[in-house]
Protein backbone atom coordinates (compact mmCIF):
# COMPACT_ATOMS: atom_id res chain seq x y z
CA UNK A 1 2.24 -58.10 -11.39
CA UNK A 2 3.45 -61.24 -10.91
CA UNK A 3 7.22 -59.37 -9.88
CA UNK A 4 4.78 -57.07 -7.58
CA UNK A 5 3.06 -60.17 -6.20
CA UNK A 6 6.15 -61.63 -5.74
CA UNK A 7 8.58 -58.48 -4.14
CA UNK A 8 4.94 -57.99 -1.52
CA UNK A 9 5.81 -61.82 -0.30
CA UNK A 10 9.22 -61.07 0.42
CA UNK A 11 9.20 -57.58 1.61
CA UNK A 12 6.92 -59.78 4.02
CA UNK A 13 8.88 -62.52 4.87
CA UNK A 14 12.00 -59.97 5.54
CA UNK A 15 9.84 -57.98 7.67
CA UNK A 16 8.51 -61.17 9.86
CA UNK A 17 11.99 -62.74 9.73
CA UNK A 18 13.92 -59.18 10.70
CA UNK A 19 10.80 -59.90 13.96
CA UNK A 20 11.63 -62.71 14.93
CA UNK A 21 15.66 -61.92 14.90
CA UNK A 22 15.00 -58.74 17.06
CA UNK A 23 15.06 -60.24 20.53
CA UNK A 24 18.53 -61.94 19.83
CA UNK A 25 20.32 -59.03 22.07
CA UNK A 26 18.64 -59.75 25.53
CA UNK A 27 20.08 -62.46 27.94
CA UNK A 28 20.10 -66.28 27.75
CA UNK A 29 17.21 -66.58 30.18
CA UNK A 30 14.96 -64.38 28.57
CA UNK A 31 15.61 -66.25 24.94
CA UNK A 32 13.55 -69.26 26.27
CA UNK A 33 10.36 -67.39 26.45
CA UNK A 34 10.34 -65.03 23.34
CA UNK A 35 11.40 -68.49 21.54
CA UNK A 36 9.25 -70.73 23.15
CA UNK A 37 7.65 -73.16 21.06
CA UNK A 38 3.99 -71.00 20.94
CA UNK A 39 5.81 -68.22 19.81
CA UNK A 40 7.87 -70.04 17.19
CA UNK A 41 4.89 -71.50 15.55
CA UNK A 42 2.66 -68.31 15.38
CA UNK A 43 5.59 -66.73 13.80
CA UNK A 44 5.46 -69.92 11.45
CA UNK A 45 1.81 -69.36 10.64
CA UNK A 46 2.22 -65.52 10.07
CA UNK A 47 5.20 -66.89 7.43
CA UNK A 48 1.82 -68.17 5.27
CA UNK A 49 -0.88 -66.12 6.33
CA UNK A 50 1.05 -62.65 6.02
CA UNK A 51 1.32 -62.59 2.70
CA UNK A 52 -2.00 -63.22 1.77
CA UNK A 53 -3.43 -60.64 4.04
CA UNK A 54 -0.75 -57.89 2.57
CA UNK A 55 -2.01 -59.80 -0.77
CA UNK A 56 -5.32 -58.78 -0.55
CA UNK A 57 -4.75 -54.76 0.98
CA UNK A 58 -2.55 -53.52 -1.54
CA UNK A 59 -4.22 -55.72 -4.54
CA UNK A 60 -5.62 -53.03 -6.59
CA UNK A 61 -0.93 -51.54 -6.44
CA UNK A 62 0.29 -54.93 -7.00
CA UNK A 63 -2.85 -55.05 -10.20
CA UNK A 64 -1.94 -51.75 -11.65
CA UNK A 65 1.18 -51.26 -13.46
CA UNK A 66 2.12 -47.79 -12.12
CA UNK A 67 4.85 -46.41 -9.80
CA UNK A 68 3.42 -45.70 -7.17
CA UNK A 69 0.44 -46.31 -4.93
CA UNK A 70 -2.96 -45.46 -5.39
CA UNK A 71 -4.51 -43.07 -3.45
CA UNK A 72 -7.26 -43.85 -1.27
CA UNK A 73 -9.16 -41.50 -0.95
CA UNK A 74 -12.16 -39.90 -3.35
CA UNK A 75 -11.16 -36.94 -5.83
CA UNK A 76 -12.13 -33.49 -4.58
CA UNK A 77 -16.09 -32.81 -6.22
CA UNK A 78 -15.00 -29.31 -7.79
CA UNK A 79 -11.76 -28.87 -10.20
CA UNK A 80 -8.68 -27.12 -7.72
CA UNK A 81 -8.80 -23.70 -9.39
CA UNK A 82 -12.62 -23.92 -8.38
CA UNK A 83 -11.59 -21.47 -5.09
CA UNK A 84 -9.96 -18.21 -7.51
CA UNK A 85 -13.58 -18.05 -9.60
CA UNK A 86 -15.54 -17.58 -6.16
CA UNK A 87 -15.46 -13.84 -4.19
CA UNK A 88 -13.76 -13.65 -0.86
CA UNK A 89 -16.16 -13.11 1.83
CA UNK A 90 -14.60 -11.16 5.00
CA UNK A 91 -16.99 -11.56 7.14
CA UNK A 92 -18.13 -7.53 7.28
CA UNK A 93 -21.57 -6.93 5.23
CA UNK A 94 -20.03 -3.85 3.79
CA UNK A 95 -16.99 -5.52 2.48
CA UNK A 96 -18.65 -8.10 0.43
């Protein structure tokens, strides 16, 4: 569980760092607006808050020991083979 928690936090931080560095190739005149004190402050705040949100959303996956993320869909109310046991209706009363 600790490894998955650390992995989720690290992946979140890497993603936020990539987003911070993504506008670097833009012209020099734009950098003041992109890297303004307000945007850098919001980025720093997101470095603290985003991992909490990610861990809250993915908590079932972090807590479980399975390799894949748990499905959010409910299981079907009938077995998958149940459609083979029912007769097929073609839409015409004489064919059943």
